[in-house]
Amino acid sequence: MGAAEAKHDVFQAIADPTRRKILKLLADQELPIASITDSLPITRTAVNKHLFVLSEAGLVSSRRIGRETRFSLQPEPLQELKEWLSFFELYWDNKLTALRNFVESDE
């Protein structure tokens, strides 16, 4: 199995609520693992595993500063999610319009 096949996709990466929380934490700032761990009710080892999945999906990058590793959000892969959701937006808009027309009709 090649490296590209072993990586997680964006949808798998964001499926977990803890990983979504980590992405929110990293949305505004670069953080070390200690700060991320302090913000979550899980162990440092668990945070590290979640960061690995996010990194494999391209959603998080890391860099070493001295003895510390800092993590930051890489939002570009989320574009795939946005495009996928926008496809269904039209579907839901049509369904909601049909429902509104049905409810507002005199029948």
PDB file of N, CA and C in Angstrom:
ATOM      1  N   MET A   1       0.843  -1.176   0.000  1.00  0.00           N
ATOM      2  CA  MET A   1       0.000   0.000   0.000  1.00  0.00           C
ATOM      3  C   MET A   1       0.888   1.238   0.000  1.00  0.00           C
ATOM      4  N   GLY A   2       0.623   2.189  -0.902  1.00  0.00           N
ATOM      5  CA  GLY A   2       1.425   3.391  -1.011  1.00  0.00           C
ATOM      6  C   GLY A   2       1.087   4.403   0.061  1.00  0.00           C
ATOM      7  N   ALA A   3       1.921   5.413   0.180  1.00  0.00           N
ATOM      8  CA  ALA A   3       1.712   6.434   1.209  1.00  0.00           C
ATOM      9  C   ALA A   3       0.400   7.169   1.004  1.00  0.00           C
ATOM     10  N   ALA A   4       0.040   7.431  -0.259  1.00  0.00           N
ATOM     11  CA  ALA A   4      -1.207   8.155  -0.520  1.00  0.00           C
ATOM     12  C   ALA A   4      -2.418   7.347  -0.064  1.00  0.00           C
ATOM     13  N   GLU A   5      -2.362   6.034  -0.184  1.00  0.00           N
ATOM     14  CA  GLU A   5      -3.477   5.195   0.223  1.00  0.00           C
ATOM     15  C   GLU A   5      -3.590   5.099   1.737  1.00  0.00           C
ATOM     16  N   ALA A   6      -2.502   5.233   2.433  1.00  0.00           N
ATOM     17  CA  ALA A   6      -2.495   5.085   3.886  1.00  0.00           C
ATOM     18  C   ALA A   6      -3.029   6.325   4.589  1.00  0.00           C
ATOM     19  N   LYS A   7      -3.058   7.452   3.924  1.00  0.00           N
ATOM     20  CA  LYS A   7      -3.498   8.689   4.557  1.00  0.00           C
ATOM     21  C   LYS A   7      -5.005   8.690   4.782  1.00  0.00           C
ATOM     22  N   HIS A   8      -5.414   9.396   5.810  1.00  0.00           N
ATOM     23  CA  HIS A   8      -6.833   9.533   6.117  1.00  0.00           C
ATOM     24  C   HIS A   8      -7.430  10.603   5.212  1.00  0.00           C
ATOM     25  N   ASP A   9      -8.700  10.450   4.877  1.00  0.00           N
ATOM     26  CA  ASP A   9      -9.323  11.518   4.114  1.00  0.00           C
ATOM     27  C   ASP A   9      -9.971  12.522   5.074  1.00  0.00           C
ATOM     28  N   VAL A  10     -10.348  13.646   4.539  1.00  0.00           N
ATOM     29  CA  VAL A  10     -10.891  14.744   5.340  1.00  0.00           C
ATOM     30  C   VAL A  10     -12.161  14.303   6.064  1.00  0.00           C
ATOM     31  N   PHE A  11     -12.995  13.537   5.390  1.00  0.00           N
ATOM     32  CA  PHE A  11     -14.260  13.122   5.984  1.00  0.00           C
ATOM     33  C   PHE A  11     -14.036  12.206   7.189  1.00  0.00           C
ATOM     34  N   GLN A  12     -13.084  11.289   7.084  1.00  0.00           N
ATOM     35  CA  GLN A  12     -12.749  10.433   8.224  1.00  0.00           C
ATOM     36  C   GLN A  12     -12.173  11.269   9.363  1.00  0.00           C
ATOM     37  N   ALA A  13     -11.339  12.212   9.013  1.00  0.00           N
ATOM     38  CA  ALA A  13     -10.666  13.018  10.028  1.00  0.00           C
ATOM     39  C   ALA A  13     -11.650  13.854  10.837  1.00  0.00           C
ATOM     40  N   ILE A  14     -12.639  14.434  10.199  1.00  0.00           N
ATOM     41  CA  ILE A  14     -13.570  15.296  10.933  1.00  0.00           C
ATOM     42  C   ILE A  14     -14.756  14.540  11.505  1.00  0.00           C
ATOM     43  N   ALA A  15     -14.824  13.237  11.264  1.00  0.00           N
ATOM     44  CA  ALA A  15     -15.934  12.443  11.782  1.00  0.00           C
ATOM     45  C   ALA A  15     -15.929  12.384  13.307  1.00  0.00           C
ATOM     46  N   ASP A  16     -14.785  12.521  13.910  1.00  0.00           N
ATOM     47  CA  ASP A  16     -14.665  12.425  15.358  1.00  0.00           C
ATOM     48  C   ASP A  16     -14.850  13.797  16.014  1.00  0.00           C
ATOM     49  N   PRO A  17     -15.727  13.909  17.007  1.00  0.00           N
ATOM     50  CA  PRO A  17     -15.963  15.204  17.658  1.00  0.00           C
ATOM     51  C   PRO A  17     -14.723  15.798  18.321  1.00  0.00           C
ATOM     52  N   THR A  18     -13.864  14.954  18.857  1.00  0.00           N
ATOM     53  CA  THR A  18     -12.640  15.465  19.481  1.00  0.00           C
ATOM     54  C   THR A  18     -11.745  16.113  18.441  1.00  0.00           C
ATOM     55  N   ARG A  19     -11.640  15.514  17.278  1.00  0.00           N
ATOM     56  CA  ARG A  19     -10.810  16.114  16.226  1.00  0.00           C
ATOM     57  C   ARG A  19     -11.410  17.441  15.747  1.00  0.00           C
ATOM     58  N   ARG A  20     -12.734  17.514  15.708  1.00  0.00           N
ATOM     59  CA  ARG A  20     -13.362  18.793  15.340  1.00  0.00           C
ATOM     60  C   ARG A  20     -13.047  19.862  16.387  1.00  0.00           C
ATOM     61  N   LYS A  21     -13.033  19.483  17.661  1.00  0.00           N
ATOM     62  CA  LYS A  21     -12.679  20.436  18.725  1.00  0.00           C
ATOM     63  C   LYS A  21     -11.235  20.898  18.565  1.00  0.00           C
ATOM     64  N   ILE A  22     -10.361  19.979  18.233  1.00  0.00           N
ATOM     65  CA  ILE A  22      -8.953  20.338  18.036  1.00  0.00           C
ATOM     66  C   ILE A  22      -8.830  21.330  16.885  1.00  0.00           C
ATOM     67  N   LEU A  23      -9.548  21.102  15.804  1.00  0.00           N
ATOM     68  CA  LEU A  23      -9.501  22.035  14.675  1.00  0.00           C
ATOM     69  C   LEU A  23      -9.985  23.420  15.093  1.00  0.00           C
ATOM     70  N   LYS A  24     -11.023  23.477  15.918  1.00  0.00           N
ATOM     71  CA  LYS A  24     -11.510  24.775  16.406  1.00  0.00           C
ATOM     72  C   LYS A  24     -10.453  25.464  17.269  1.00  0.00           C
ATOM     73  N   LEU A  25      -9.779  24.676  18.115  1.00  0.00           N
ATOM     74  CA  LEU A  25      -8.726  25.258  18.951  1.00  0.00           C
ATOM     75  C   LEU A  25      -7.608  25.860  18.107  1.00  0.00           C
ATOM     76  N   LEU A  26      -7.310  25.206  16.993  1.00  0.00           N
ATOM     77  CA  LEU A  26      -6.204  25.641  16.139  1.00  0.00           C
ATOM     78  C   LEU A  26      -6.634  26.679  15.094  1.00  0.00           C
ATOM     79  N   ALA A  27      -7.905  27.004  15.058  1.00  0.00           N
ATOM     80  CA  ALA A  27      -8.407  27.926  14.033  1.00  0.00           C
ATOM     81  C   ALA A  27      -7.764  29.304  14.113  1.00  0.00           C
ATOM     82  N   ASP A  28      -7.505  29.779  15.312  1.00  0.00           N
ATOM     83  CA  ASP A  28      -7.002  31.143  15.475  1.00  0.00           C
ATOM     84  C   ASP A  28      -5.534  31.236  15.857  1.00  0.00           C
ATOM     85  N   GLN A  29      -4.955  30.093  16.263  1.00  0.00           N
ATOM     86  CA  GLN A  29      -3.580  30.175  16.750  1.00  0.00           C
ATOM     87  C   GLN A  29      -2.872  28.832  16.666  1.00  0.00           C
ATOM     88  N   GLU A  30      -1.572  28.913  16.615  1.00  0.00           N
ATOM     89  CA  GLU A  30      -0.707  27.746  16.662  1.00  0.00           C
ATOM     90  C   GLU A  30      -0.550  27.357  18.136  1.00  0.00           C
ATOM     91  N   LEU A  31      -0.662  26.058  18.442  1.00  0.00           N
ATOM     92  CA  LEU A  31      -0.600  25.623  19.831  1.00  0.00           C
ATOM     93  C   LEU A  31       0.312  24.412  20.014  1.00  0.00           C
ATOM     94  N   PRO A  32       0.969  24.326  21.161  1.00  0.00           N
ATOM     95  CA  PRO A  32       1.721  23.108  21.493  1.00  0.00           C
ATOM     96  C   PRO A  32       0.748  22.043  21.995  1.00  0.00           C
ATOM     97  N   ILE A  33       1.179  20.799  21.963  1.00  0.00           N
ATOM     98  CA  ILE A  33       0.308  19.702  22.375  1.00  0.00           C
ATOM     99  C   ILE A  33      -0.154  19.860  23.820  1.00  0.00           C
ATOM    100  N   ALA A  34       0.680  20.442  24.680  1.00  0.00           N
ATOM    101  CA  ALA A  34       0.298  20.629  26.089  1.00  0.00           C
ATOM    102  C   ALA A  34      -0.932  21.525  26.206  1.00  0.00           C
ATOM    103  N   SER A  35      -0.986  22.591  25.430  1.00  0.00           N
ATOM    104  CA  SER A  35      -2.138  23.498  25.477  1.00  0.00           C
ATOM    105  C   SER A  35      -3.390  22.826  24.927  1.00  0.00           C
ATOM    106  N   ILE A  36      -3.225  22.036  23.874  1.00  0.00           N
ATOM    107  CA  ILE A  36      -4.361  21.312  23.308  1.00  0.00           C
ATOM    108  C   ILE A  36      -4.886  20.317  24.335  1.00  0.00           C
ATOM    109  N   THR A  37      -3.982  19.588  24.981  1.00  0.00           N
ATOM    110  CA  THR A  37      -4.367  18.594  25.984  1.00  0.00           C
ATOM    111  C   THR A  37      -5.089  19.240  27.158  1.00  0.00           C
ATOM    112  N   ASP A  38      -4.622  20.413  27.579  1.00  0.00           N
ATOM    113  CA  ASP A  38      -5.256  21.123  28.697  1.00  0.00           C
ATOM    114  C   ASP A  38      -6.691  21.529  28.379  1.00  0.00           C
ATOM    115  N   SER A  39      -7.014  21.666  27.107  1.00  0.00           N
ATOM    116  CA  SER A  39      -8.349  22.103  26.696  1.00  0.00           C
ATOM    117  C   SER A  39      -9.328  20.949  26.490  1.00  0.00           C
ATOM    118  N   LEU A  40      -8.844  19.711  26.608  1.00  0.00           N
ATOM    119  CA  LEU A  40      -9.680  18.549  26.325  1.00  0.00           C
ATOM    120  C   LEU A  40      -9.649  17.560  27.487  1.00  0.00           C
ATOM    121  N   PRO A  41     -10.730  16.801  27.667  1.00  0.00           N
ATOM    122  CA  PRO A  41     -10.791  15.840  28.781  1.00  0.00           C
ATOM    123  C   PRO A  41     -10.198  14.465  28.415  1.00  0.00           C
ATOM    124  N   ILE A  42      -9.098  14.467  27.679  1.00  0.00           N
ATOM    125  CA  ILE A  42      -8.456  13.221  27.268  1.00  0.00           C
ATOM    126  C   ILE A  42      -6.951  13.314  27.527  1.00  0.00           C
ATOM    127  N   THR A  43      -6.279  12.190  27.421  1.00  0.00           N
ATOM    128  CA  THR A  43      -4.854  12.147  27.711  1.00  0.00           C
ATOM    129  C   THR A  43      -4.026  12.751  26.572  1.00  0.00           C
ATOM    130  N   ARG A  44      -2.801  13.053  26.898  1.00  0.00           N
ATOM    131  CA  ARG A  44      -1.866  13.576  25.891  1.00  0.00           C
ATOM    132  C   ARG A  44      -1.649  12.550  24.774  1.00  0.00           C
ATOM    133  N   THR A  45      -1.607  11.271  25.134  1.00  0.00           N
ATOM    134  CA  THR A  45      -1.438  10.221  24.135  1.00  0.00           C
ATOM    135  C   THR A  45      -2.621  10.211  23.164  1.00  0.00           C
ATOM    136  N   ALA A  46      -3.829  10.362  23.695  1.00  0.00           N
ATOM    137  CA  ALA A  46      -5.020  10.402  22.837  1.00  0.00           C
ATOM    138  C   ALA A  46      -4.992  11.630  21.930  1.00  0.00           C
ATOM    139  N   VAL A  47      -4.606  12.772  22.480  1.00  0.00           N
ATOM    140  CA  VAL A  47      -4.495  13.994  21.666  1.00  0.00           C
ATOM    141  C   VAL A  47      -3.482  13.776  20.552  1.00  0.00           C
ATOM    142  N   ASN A  48      -2.376  13.159  20.868  1.00  0.00           N
ATOM    143  CA  ASN A  48      -1.349  12.893  19.876  1.00  0.00           C
ATOM    144  C   ASN A  48      -1.883  12.014  18.741  1.00  0.00           C
ATOM    145  N   LYS A  49      -2.677  11.013  19.076  1.00  0.00           N
ATOM    146  CA  LYS A  49      -3.272  10.136  18.061  1.00  0.00           C
ATOM    147  C   LYS A  49      -4.233  10.913  17.176  1.00  0.00           C
ATOM    148  N   HIS A  50      -5.033  11.776  17.776  1.00  0.00           N
ATOM    149  CA  HIS A  50      -5.958  12.604  16.997  1.00  0.00           C
ATOM    150  C   HIS A  50      -5.187  13.561  16.078  1.00  0.00           C
ATOM    151  N   LEU A  51      -4.122  14.147  16.594  1.00  0.00           N
ATOM    152  CA  LEU A  51      -3.309  15.051  15.774  1.00  0.00           C
ATOM    153  C   LEU A  51      -2.673  14.304  14.607  1.00  0.00           C
ATOM    154  N   PHE A  52      -2.315  13.055  14.824  1.00  0.00           N
ATOM    155  CA  PHE A  52      -1.746  12.242  13.748  1.00  0.00           C
ATOM    156  C   PHE A  52      -2.769  12.064  12.622  1.00  0.00           C
ATOM    157  N   VAL A  53      -4.003  11.735  12.971  1.00  0.00           N
ATOM    158  CA  VAL A  53      -5.059  11.557  11.961  1.00  0.00           C
ATOM    159  C   VAL A  53      -5.289  12.868  11.215  1.00  0.00           C
ATOM    160  N   LEU A  54      -5.360  13.968  11.946  1.00  0.00           N
ATOM    161  CA  LEU A  54      -5.559  15.278  11.314  1.00  0.00           C
ATOM    162  C   LEU A  54      -4.391  15.636  10.400  1.00  0.00           C
ATOM    163  N   SER A  55      -3.207  15.301  10.831  1.00  0.00           N
ATOM    164  CA  SER A  55      -2.015  15.562  10.034  1.00  0.00           C
ATOM    165  C   SER A  55      -2.016  14.721   8.760  1.00  0.00           C
ATOM    166  N   GLU A  56      -2.382  13.453   8.882  1.00  0.00           N
ATOM    167  CA  GLU A  56      -2.446  12.562   7.718  1.00  0.00           C
ATOM    168  C   GLU A  56      -3.477  13.036   6.697  1.00  0.00           C
ATOM    169  N   ALA A  57      -4.513  13.712   7.169  1.00  0.00           N
ATOM    170  CA  ALA A  57      -5.538  14.252   6.277  1.00  0.00           C
ATOM    171  C   ALA A  57      -5.143  15.624   5.728  1.00  0.00           C
ATOM    172  N   GLY A  58      -4.014  16.139   6.173  1.00  0.00           N
ATOM    173  CA  GLY A  58      -3.545  17.434   5.697  1.00  0.00           C
ATOM    174  C   GLY A  58      -4.204  18.615   6.380  1.00  0.00           C
ATOM    175  N   LEU A  59      -4.942  18.369   7.462  1.00  0.00           N
ATOM    176  CA  LEU A  59      -5.665  19.436   8.147  1.00  0.00           C
ATOM    177  C   LEU A  59      -4.837  20.149   9.211  1.00  0.00           C
ATOM    178  N   VAL A  60      -3.738  19.531   9.621  1.00  0.00           N
ATOM    179  CA  VAL A  60      -2.885  20.091  10.660  1.00  0.00           C
ATOM    180  C   VAL A  60      -1.433  19.937  10.229  1.00  0.00           C
ATOM    181  N   SER A  61      -0.655  20.970  10.496  1.00  0.00           N
ATOM    182  CA  SER A  61       0.789  20.864  10.273  1.00  0.00           C
ATOM    183  C   SER A  61       1.491  21.098  11.601  1.00  0.00           C
ATOM    184  N   SER A  62       2.723  20.654  11.674  1.00  0.00           N
ATOM    185  CA  SER A  62       3.479  20.835  12.913  1.00  0.00           C
ATOM    186  C   SER A  62       4.869  21.361  12.587  1.00  0.00           C
ATOM    187  N   ARG A  63       5.440  22.043  13.570  1.00  0.00           N
ATOM    188  CA  ARG A  63       6.827  22.503  13.439  1.00  0.00           C
ATOM    189  C   ARG A  63       7.462  22.502  14.815  1.00  0.00           C
ATOM    190  N   ARG A  64       8.736  22.189  14.822  1.00  0.00           N
ATOM    191  CA  ARG A  64       9.482  22.130  16.072  1.00  0.00           C
ATOM    192  C   ARG A  64      10.043  23.509  16.394  1.00  0.00           C
ATOM    193  N   ILE A  65       9.875  23.902  17.640  1.00  0.00           N
ATOM    194  CA  ILE A  65      10.485  25.113  18.158  1.00  0.00           C
ATOM    195  C   ILE A  65      11.187  24.691  19.441  1.00  0.00           C
ATOM    196  N   GLY A  66      12.484  24.509  19.356  1.00  0.00           N
ATOM    197  CA  GLY A  66      13.234  23.990  20.499  1.00  0.00           C
ATOM    198  C   GLY A  66      12.792  22.565  20.796  1.00  0.00           C
ATOM    199  N   ARG A  67      12.368  22.326  22.024  1.00  0.00           N
ATOM    200  CA  ARG A  67      11.910  20.996  22.429  1.00  0.00           C
ATOM    201  C   ARG A  67      10.410  20.826  22.239  1.00  0.00           C
ATOM    202  N   GLU A  68       9.752  21.861  21.780  1.00  0.00           N
ATOM    203  CA  GLU A  68       8.290  21.859  21.681  1.00  0.00           C
ATOM    204  C   GLU A  68       7.839  21.712  20.230  1.00  0.00           C
ATOM    205  N   THR A  69       6.776  20.956  20.028  1.00  0.00           N
ATOM    206  CA  THR A  69       6.151  20.867  18.706  1.00  0.00           C
ATOM    207  C   THR A  69       4.863  21.667  18.748  1.00  0.00           C
ATOM    208  N   ARG A  70       4.724  22.569  17.793  1.00  0.00           N
ATOM    209  CA  ARG A  70       3.526  23.410  17.717  1.00  0.00           C
ATOM    210  C   ARG A  70       2.703  22.983  16.502  1.00  0.00           C
ATOM    211  N   PHE A  71       1.392  23.012  16.677  1.00  0.00           N
ATOM    212  CA  PHE A  71       0.471  22.572  15.640  1.00  0.00           C
ATOM    213  C   PHE A  71      -0.365  23.746  15.155  1.00  0.00           C
ATOM    214  N   SER A  72      -0.669  23.734  13.860  1.00  0.00           N
ATOM    215  CA  SER A  72      -1.516  24.785  13.292  1.00  0.00           C
ATOM    216  C   SER A  72      -2.475  24.188  12.274  1.00  0.00           C
ATOM    217  N   LEU A  73      -3.593  24.856  12.115  1.00  0.00           N
ATOM    218  CA  LEU A  73      -4.636  24.437  11.180  1.00  0.00           C
ATOM    219  C   LEU A  73      -4.201  24.695   9.750  1.00  0.00           C
ATOM    220  N   GLN A  74      -4.477  23.752   8.883  1.00  0.00           N
ATOM    221  CA  GLN A  74      -4.280  23.895   7.438  1.00  0.00           C
ATOM    222  C   GLN A  74      -5.662  23.731   6.806  1.00  0.00           C
ATOM    223  N   PRO A  75      -6.396  24.810   6.586  1.00  0.00           N
ATOM    224  CA  PRO A  75      -7.802  24.699   6.188  1.00  0.00           C
ATOM    225  C   PRO A  75      -8.051  24.287   4.729  1.00  0.00           C
ATOM    226  N   GLU A  76      -7.037  24.273   3.906  1.00  0.00           N
ATOM    227  CA  GLU A  76      -7.237  24.000   2.480  1.00  0.00           C
ATOM    228  C   GLU A  76      -7.993  22.694   2.208  1.00  0.00           C
ATOM    229  N   PRO A  77      -7.685  21.582   2.893  1.00  0.00           N
ATOM    230  CA  PRO A  77      -8.423  20.344   2.626  1.00  0.00           C
ATOM    231  C   PRO A  77      -9.918  20.429   2.950  1.00  0.00           C
ATOM    232  N   LEU A  78     -10.314  21.396   3.770  1.00  0.00           N
ATOM    233  CA  LEU A  78     -11.732  21.558   4.084  1.00  0.00           C
ATOM    234  C   LEU A  78     -12.534  22.017   2.867  1.00  0.00           C
ATOM    235  N   GLN A  79     -11.850  22.517   1.848  1.00  0.00           N
ATOM    236  CA  GLN A  79     -12.519  22.923   0.618  1.00  0.00           C
ATOM    237  C   GLN A  79     -13.272  21.739   0.004  1.00  0.00           C
ATOM    238  N   GLU A  80     -12.687  20.549   0.102  1.00  0.00           N
ATOM    239  CA  GLU A  80     -13.343  19.340  -0.415  1.00  0.00           C
ATOM    240  C   GLU A  80     -14.683  19.121   0.287  1.00  0.00           C
ATOM    241  N   LEU A  81     -14.699  19.317   1.586  1.00  0.00           N
ATOM    242  CA  LEU A  81     -15.925  19.182   2.361  1.00  0.00           C
ATOM    243  C   LEU A  81     -16.939  20.242   1.964  1.00  0.00           C
ATOM    244  N   LYS A  82     -16.465  21.466   1.798  1.00  0.00           N
ATOM    245  CA  LYS A  82     -17.350  22.556   1.407  1.00  0.00           C
ATOM    246  C   LYS A  82     -18.001  22.279   0.053  1.00  0.00           C
ATOM    247  N   GLU A  83     -17.223  21.795  -0.892  1.00  0.00           N
ATOM    248  CA  GLU A  83     -17.757  21.481  -2.213  1.00  0.00           C
ATOM    249  C   GLU A  83     -18.781  20.350  -2.149  1.00  0.00           C
ATOM    250  N   TRP A  84     -18.520  19.348  -1.325  1.00  0.00           N
ATOM    251  CA  TRP A  84     -19.430  18.226  -1.191  1.00  0.00           C
ATOM    252  C   TRP A  84     -20.754  18.694  -0.586  1.00  0.00           C
ATOM    253  N   LEU A  85     -20.679  19.529   0.457  1.00  0.00           N
ATOM    254  CA  LEU A  85     -21.890  20.031   1.093  1.00  0.00           C
ATOM    255  C   LEU A  85     -22.667  20.963   0.181  1.00  0.00           C
ATOM    256  N   SER A  86     -21.973  21.758  -0.618  1.00  0.00           N
ATOM    257  CA  SER A  86     -22.676  22.692  -1.506  1.00  0.00           C
ATOM    258  C   SER A  86     -23.486  21.945  -2.565  1.00  0.00           C
ATOM    259  N   PHE A  87     -23.043  20.744  -2.942  1.00  0.00           N
ATOM    260  CA  PHE A  87     -23.806  19.933  -3.877  1.00  0.00           C
ATOM    261  C   PHE A  87     -25.196  19.631  -3.305  1.00  0.00           C
ATOM    262  N   PHE A  88     -25.270  19.337  -2.012  1.00  0.00           N
ATOM    263  CA  PHE A  88     -26.540  18.983  -1.386  1.00  0.00           C
ATOM    264  C   PHE A  88     -27.351  20.198  -0.969  1.00  0.00           C
ATOM    265  N   GLU A  89     -26.716  21.358  -0.916  1.00  0.00           N
ATOM    266  CA  GLU A  89     -27.420  22.582  -0.579  1.00  0.00           C
ATOM    267  C   GLU A  89     -28.562  22.835  -1.546  1.00  0.00           C
ATOM    268  N   LEU A  90     -28.326  22.659  -2.817  1.00  0.00           N
ATOM    269  CA  LEU A  90     -29.356  22.854  -3.830  1.00  0.00           C
ATOM    270  C   LEU A  90     -30.517  21.895  -3.600  1.00  0.00           C
ATOM    271  N   TYR A  91     -30.205  20.659  -3.270  1.00  0.00           N
ATOM    272  CA  TYR A  91     -31.231  19.658  -2.990  1.00  0.00           C
ATOM    273  C   TYR A  91     -32.118  20.120  -1.840  1.00  0.00           C
ATOM    274  N   TRP A  92     -31.482  20.542  -0.730  1.00  0.00           N
ATOM    275  CA  TRP A  92     -32.266  20.963   0.426  1.00  0.00           C
ATOM    276  C   TRP A  92     -33.028  22.251   0.161  1.00  0.00           C
ATOM    277  N   ASP A  93     -32.444  23.171  -0.581  1.00  0.00           N
ATOM    278  CA  ASP A  93     -33.159  24.399  -0.941  1.00  0.00           C
ATOM    279  C   ASP A  93     -34.424  24.068  -1.720  1.00  0.00           C
ATOM    280  N   ASN A  94     -34.318  23.148  -2.671  1.00  0.00           N
ATOM    281  CA  ASN A  94     -35.480  22.742  -3.464  1.00  0.00           C
ATOM    282  C   ASN A  94     -36.542  22.080  -2.592  1.00  0.00           C
ATOM    283  N   LYS A  95     -36.126  21.208  -1.694  1.00  0.00           N
ATOM    284  CA  LYS A  95     -37.064  20.517  -0.804  1.00  0.00           C
ATOM    285  C   LYS A  95     -37.750  21.504   0.138  1.00  0.00           C
ATOM    286  N   LEU A  96     -36.998  22.455   0.679  1.00  0.00           N
ATOM    287  CA  LEU A  96     -37.590  23.439   1.582  1.00  0.00           C
ATOM    288  C   LEU A  96     -38.554  24.366   0.847  1.00  0.00           C
ATOM    289  N   THR A  97     -38.223  24.707  -0.387  1.00  0.00           N
ATOM    290  CA  THR A  97     -39.127  25.530  -1.191  1.00  0.00           C
ATOM    291  C   THR A  97     -40.423  24.780  -1.467  1.00  0.00           C
ATOM    292  N   ALA A  98     -40.305  23.504  -1.805  1.00  0.00           N
ATOM    293  CA  ALA A  98     -41.500  22.691  -2.060  1.00  0.00           C
ATOM    294  C   ALA A  98     -42.340  22.570  -0.793  1.00  0.00           C
ATOM    295  N   LEU A  99     -41.710  22.395   0.350  1.00  0.00           N
ATOM    296  CA  LEU A  99     -42.440  22.313   1.610  1.00  0.00           C
ATOM    297  C   LEU A  99     -43.141  23.629   1.919  1.00  0.00           C
ATOM    298  N   ARG A 100     -42.446  24.740   1.731  1.00  0.00           N
ATOM    299  CA  ARG A 100     -43.062  26.046   1.974  1.00  0.00           C
ATOM    300  C   ARG A 100     -44.261  26.250   1.066  1.00  0.00           C
ATOM    301  N   ASN A 101     -44.112  25.915  -0.213  1.00  0.00           N
ATOM    302  CA  ASN A 101     -45.237  26.054  -1.144  1.00  0.00           C
ATOM    303  C   ASN A 101     -46.408  25.181  -0.749  1.00  0.00           C
ATOM    304  N   PHE A 102     -46.138  23.978  -0.268  1.00  0.00           N
ATOM    305  CA  PHE A 102     -47.198  23.073   0.166  1.00  0.00           C
ATOM    306  C   PHE A 102     -47.917  23.640   1.377  1.00  0.00           C
ATOM    307  N   VAL A 103     -47.160  24.120   2.361  1.00  0.00           N
ATOM    308  CA  VAL A 103     -47.738  24.642   3.586  1.00  0.00           C
ATOM    309  C   VAL A 103     -48.537  25.916   3.310  1.00  0.00           C
ATOM    310  N   GLU A 104     -48.064  26.742   2.423  1.00  0.00           N
ATOM    311  CA  GLU A 104     -48.713  28.004   2.141  1.00  0.00           C
ATOM    312  C   GLU A 104     -49.864  27.881   1.150  1.00  0.00           C
ATOM    313  N   SER A 105     -50.009  26.739   0.532  1.00  0.00           N
ATOM    314  CA  SER A 105     -51.092  26.566  -0.449  1.00  0.00           C
ATOM    315  C   SER A 105     -52.441  26.513   0.269  1.00  0.00           C
ATOM    316  N   ASP A 106     -53.500  26.804  -0.461  1.00  0.00           N
ATOM    317  CA  ASP A 106     -54.847  26.825   0.115  1.00  0.00           C
ATOM    318  C   ASP A 106     -55.439  25.441   0.322  1.00  0.00           C
ATOM    319  N   GLU A 107     -54.772  24.455  -0.203  1.00  0.00           N
ATOM    320  CA  GLU A 107     -55.330  23.100  -0.118  1.00  0.00           C
ATOM    321  C   GLU A 107     -55.272  22.555   1.277  1.00  0.00           C
TER     322      GLU A 107
END
